[in-house]
Amino acid sequence: MVVNIEVHRYTAAMARTRATSLDPDVRLLAALADPTRLAIVRQLAADTETCACDFTSCCAVGQPTVSHHLRVLREAGIVTSERRGQWIFYRLSADAAERLGAIARGLVPGGLVTVGDLLATRRSDALPEARAATGA
């Protein structure tokens, strides 16, 4: 069976979007959306650093698959690596958590409020009521 597909019939709008988007937020979230990559990030969050060879046990995948996922995480800026002889050690990027927090804060209407700001607001709201109760 031969199928003749006329490529020119398809518009550019129908083209698949690629995970290698230029938007760093999209790359970050797309990298974390995979269960294996999320397991790798959780492993790195539990340890200071981990050798690439140690991820096969936490993820139940082979070394070539782990290497692919680590490359995606590195390109998204989530992990950093350091070669020591024949071993490569990975750790979470220093700004990965901040980048995720910034994305989350941008999604909350009105923004997120820190605990300190919330307590300060409650204290300032309570002061006029306390003064009125004491007659001050």
C-alpha atoms as a PDB file:
ATOM      1  CA  MET A   1       0.000   0.000   0.000  1.00  0.00           C
ATOM      2  CA  VAL A   2       1.363   3.397  -0.969  1.00  0.00           C
ATOM      3  CA  VAL A   3       0.063   6.586   0.590  1.00  0.00           C
ATOM      4  CA  ASN A   4       0.635   9.898  -1.118  1.00  0.00           C
ATOM      5  CA  ILE A   5       0.560  12.767   1.352  1.00  0.00           C
ATOM      6  CA  GLU A   6       0.725  16.211  -0.092  1.00  0.00           C
ATOM      7  CA  VAL A   7       2.791  18.138   2.400  1.00  0.00           C
ATOM      8  CA  HIS A   8       1.826  21.517   1.006  1.00  0.00           C
ATOM      9  CA  ARG A   9      -1.810  20.915   2.052  1.00  0.00           C
ATOM     10  CA  TYR A  10      -0.921  21.222   5.711  1.00  0.00           C
ATOM     11  CA  THR A  11      -0.609  24.679   7.211  1.00  0.00           C
ATOM     12  CA  ALA A  12       2.103  25.801   9.553  1.00  0.00           C
ATOM     13  CA  ALA A  13      -0.530  26.126  12.286  1.00  0.00           C
ATOM     14  CA  MET A  14      -0.979  22.366  12.188  1.00  0.00           C
ATOM     15  CA  ALA A  15       2.692  21.701  12.895  1.00  0.00           C
ATOM     16  CA  ARG A  16       3.410  19.988  16.178  1.00  0.00           C
ATOM     17  CA  THR A  17       4.915  22.144  18.874  1.00  0.00           C
ATOM     18  CA  ARG A  18       8.301  20.991  20.025  1.00  0.00           C
ATOM     19  CA  ALA A  19       9.395  20.556  23.617  1.00  0.00           C
ATOM     20  CA  THR A  20      12.504  22.514  22.682  1.00  0.00           C
ATOM     21  CA  SER A  21      10.546  25.748  22.834  1.00  0.00           C
ATOM     22  CA  LEU A  22      12.529  28.925  23.281  1.00  0.00           C
ATOM     23  CA  ASP A  23      10.502  29.881  26.371  1.00  0.00           C
ATOM     24  CA  PRO A  24      12.574  28.737  29.384  1.00  0.00           C
ATOM     25  CA  ASP A  25       9.447  28.270  31.508  1.00  0.00           C
ATOM     26  CA  VAL A  26       7.977  25.894  28.922  1.00  0.00           C
ATOM     27  CA  ARG A  27      11.235  23.945  28.775  1.00  0.00           C
ATOM     28  CA  LEU A  28      11.343  23.724  32.579  1.00  0.00           C
ATOM     29  CA  LEU A  29       7.780  22.483  32.918  1.00  0.00           C
ATOM     30  CA  ALA A  30       8.044  20.120  29.942  1.00  0.00           C
ATOM     31  CA  ALA A  31      11.187  18.580  31.413  1.00  0.00           C
ATOM     32  CA  LEU A  32       9.482  18.000  34.754  1.00  0.00           C
ATOM     33  CA  ALA A  33       6.316  16.593  33.164  1.00  0.00           C
ATOM     34  CA  ASP A  34       7.961  13.226  32.480  1.00  0.00           C
ATOM     35  CA  PRO A  35       7.651  10.709  35.368  1.00  0.00           C
ATOM     36  CA  THR A  36      11.228   9.456  34.992  1.00  0.00           C
ATOM     37  CA  ARG A  37      12.690  12.970  34.977  1.00  0.00           C
ATOM     38  CA  LEU A  38      10.573  13.910  37.991  1.00  0.00           C
ATOM     39  CA  ALA A  39      11.919  10.835  39.812  1.00  0.00           C
ATOM     40  CA  ILE A  40      15.461  11.943  38.982  1.00  0.00           C
ATOM     41  CA  VAL A  41      14.769  15.436  40.324  1.00  0.00           C
ATOM     42  CA  ARG A  42      13.255  13.993  43.501  1.00  0.00           C
ATOM     43  CA  GLN A  43      16.341  11.817  43.959  1.00  0.00           C
ATOM     44  CA  LEU A  44      18.572  14.868  43.548  1.00  0.00           C
ATOM     45  CA  ALA A  45      16.449  16.822  46.026  1.00  0.00           C
ATOM     46  CA  ALA A  46      17.008  14.072  48.607  1.00  0.00           C
ATOM     47  CA  ASP A  47      20.786  13.929  48.026  1.00  0.00           C
ATOM     48  CA  THR A  48      23.387  16.643  47.564  1.00  0.00           C
ATOM     49  CA  GLU A  49      24.627  15.043  44.375  1.00  0.00           C
ATOM     50  CA  THR A  50      24.236  11.726  42.612  1.00  0.00           C
ATOM     51  CA  CYS A  51      26.370   9.829  40.123  1.00  0.00           C
ATOM     52  CA  ALA A  52      24.629   9.207  36.812  1.00  0.00           C
ATOM     53  CA  CYS A  53      25.041   5.453  37.289  1.00  0.00           C
ATOM     54  CA  ASP A  54      22.927   5.549  40.483  1.00  0.00           C
ATOM     55  CA  PHE A  55      19.754   6.781  38.765  1.00  0.00           C
ATOM     56  CA  THR A  56      19.025   3.404  37.164  1.00  0.00           C
ATOM     57  CA  SER A  57      17.897   2.005  40.522  1.00  0.00           C
ATOM     58  CA  CYS A  58      15.549   4.878  41.424  1.00  0.00           C
ATOM     59  CA  CYS A  59      13.973   5.076  37.980  1.00  0.00           C
ATOM     60  CA  ALA A  60      13.905   1.406  36.896  1.00  0.00           C
ATOM     61  CA  VAL A  61      15.233   2.296  33.425  1.00  0.00           C
ATOM     62  CA  GLY A  62      18.468   1.539  31.612  1.00  0.00           C
ATOM     63  CA  GLN A  63      21.551   3.751  31.505  1.00  0.00           C
ATOM     64  CA  PRO A  64      20.930   5.042  27.950  1.00  0.00           C
ATOM     65  CA  THR A  65      17.444   6.182  28.979  1.00  0.00           C
ATOM     66  CA  VAL A  66      18.794   7.842  32.121  1.00  0.00           C
ATOM     67  CA  SER A  67      21.401   9.654  30.021  1.00  0.00           C
ATOM     68  CA  HIS A  68      18.689  10.954  27.696  1.00  0.00           C
ATOM     69  CA  HIS A  69      16.586  12.245  30.598  1.00  0.00           C
ATOM     70  CA  LEU A  70      19.602  13.862  32.255  1.00  0.00           C
ATOM     71  CA  ARG A  71      20.404  15.665  28.997  1.00  0.00           C
ATOM     72  CA  VAL A  72      16.844  17.037  28.842  1.00  0.00           C
ATOM     73  CA  LEU A  73      17.057  18.193  32.469  1.00  0.00           C
ATOM     74  CA  ARG A  74      20.464  19.789  31.844  1.00  0.00           C
ATOM     75  CA  GLU A  75      19.232  21.627  28.738  1.00  0.00           C
ATOM     76  CA  ALA A  76      16.232  22.918  30.702  1.00  0.00           C
ATOM     77  CA  GLY A  77      18.578  24.291  33.374  1.00  0.00           C
ATOM     78  CA  ILE A  78      17.246  22.047  36.136  1.00  0.00           C
ATOM     79  CA  VAL A  79      20.454  20.115  36.832  1.00  0.00           C
ATOM     80  CA  THR A  80      24.151  20.782  36.587  1.00  0.00           C
ATOM     81  CA  SER A  81      26.864  18.180  36.083  1.00  0.00           C
ATOM     82  CA  GLU A  82      30.507  17.727  36.977  1.00  0.00           C
ATOM     83  CA  ARG A  83      32.804  15.104  35.462  1.00  0.00           C
ATOM     84  CA  ARG A  84      35.175  13.346  37.852  1.00  0.00           C
ATOM     85  CA  GLY A  85      37.298  10.906  35.904  1.00  0.00           C
ATOM     86  CA  GLN A  86      34.902   8.560  34.143  1.00  0.00           C
ATOM     87  CA  TRP A  87      31.948   9.416  36.400  1.00  0.00           C
ATOM     88  CA  ILE A  88      29.535  12.325  36.021  1.00  0.00           C
ATOM     89  CA  PHE A  89      27.854  13.675  39.133  1.00  0.00           C
ATOM     90  CA  TYR A  90      24.609  15.639  38.972  1.00  0.00           C
ATOM     91  CA  ARG A  91      23.008  18.116  41.346  1.00  0.00           C
ATOM     92  CA  LEU A  92      20.000  20.390  41.197  1.00  0.00           C
ATOM     93  CA  SER A  93      20.647  23.808  39.747  1.00  0.00           C
ATOM     94  CA  ALA A  94      20.781  26.480  42.428  1.00  0.00           C
ATOM     95  CA  ASP A  95      17.964  28.472  40.829  1.00  0.00           C
ATOM     96  CA  ALA A  96      15.642  25.591  39.816  1.00  0.00           C
ATOM     97  CA  ALA A  97      13.373  25.940  42.866  1.00  0.00           C
ATOM     98  CA  GLU A  98      13.243  29.730  42.485  1.00  0.00           C
ATOM     99  CA  ARG A  99      12.279  29.403  38.821  1.00  0.00           C
ATOM    100  CA  LEU A 100       9.447  27.020  39.738  1.00  0.00           C
ATOM    101  CA  GLY A 101       8.321  29.367  42.500  1.00  0.00           C
ATOM    102  CA  ALA A 102       8.270  32.315  40.105  1.00  0.00           C
ATOM    103  CA  ILE A 103       6.084  30.356  37.690  1.00  0.00           C
ATOM    104  CA  ALA A 104       3.722  29.402  40.532  1.00  0.00           C
ATOM    105  CA  ARG A 105       3.521  32.970  41.816  1.00  0.00           C
ATOM    106  CA  GLY A 106       2.648  34.147  38.323  1.00  0.00           C
ATOM    107  CA  LEU A 107      -0.313  31.771  38.197  1.00  0.00           C
ATOM    108  CA  VAL A 108      -1.964  32.861  41.439  1.00  0.00           C
ATOM    109  CA  PRO A 109      -4.411  35.768  41.016  1.00  0.00           C
ATOM    110  CA  GLY A 110      -3.060  38.610  43.114  1.00  0.00           C
ATOM    111  CA  GLY A 111       0.200  36.752  43.681  1.00  0.00           C
ATOM    112  CA  LEU A 112       1.344  34.654  46.598  1.00  0.00           C
ATOM    113  CA  VAL A 113       1.644  36.201  50.044  1.00  0.00           C
ATOM    114  CA  THR A 114       4.533  35.235  52.290  1.00  0.00           C
ATOM    115  CA  VAL A 115       3.834  34.110  55.846  1.00  0.00           C
ATOM    116  CA  GLY A 116       5.654  37.184  57.197  1.00  0.00           C
ATOM    117  CA  ASP A 117       3.497  39.549  55.121  1.00  0.00           C
ATOM    118  CA  LEU A 118       0.346  37.729  56.208  1.00  0.00           C
ATOM    119  CA  LEU A 119       1.264  37.972  59.897  1.00  0.00           C
ATOM    120  CA  ALA A 120       2.209  41.645  59.545  1.00  0.00           C
ATOM    121  CA  THR A 121      -1.173  42.365  57.920  1.00  0.00           C
ATOM    122  CA  ARG A 122      -3.038  40.558  60.700  1.00  0.00           C
ATOM    123  CA  ARG A 123      -1.084  42.439  63.379  1.00  0.00           C
ATOM    124  CA  SER A 124      -1.757  45.826  61.779  1.00  0.00           C
ATOM    125  CA  ASP A 125      -5.475  44.972  61.419  1.00  0.00           C
ATOM    126  CA  ALA A 126      -5.627  43.940  65.091  1.00  0.00           C
ATOM    127  CA  LEU A 127      -3.987  47.160  66.395  1.00  0.00           C
ATOM    128  CA  PRO A 128      -6.977  49.501  65.800  1.00  0.00           C
ATOM    129  CA  GLU A 129      -9.361  46.982  67.381  1.00  0.00           C
ATOM    130  CA  ALA A 130      -7.061  46.614  70.430  1.00  0.00           C
ATOM    131  CA  ARG A 131      -6.805  50.401  70.825  1.00  0.00           C
ATOM    132  CA  ALA A 132     -10.582  50.807  70.600  1.00  0.00           C
ATOM    133  CA  ALA A 133     -11.116  48.085  73.234  1.00  0.00           C
ATOM    134  CA  THR A 134      -8.712  49.736  75.678  1.00  0.00           C
ATOM    135  CA  GLY A 135     -10.011  53.230  75.000  1.00  0.00           C
ATOM    136  CA  ALA A 136      -6.629  54.473  73.753  1.00  0.00           C
END
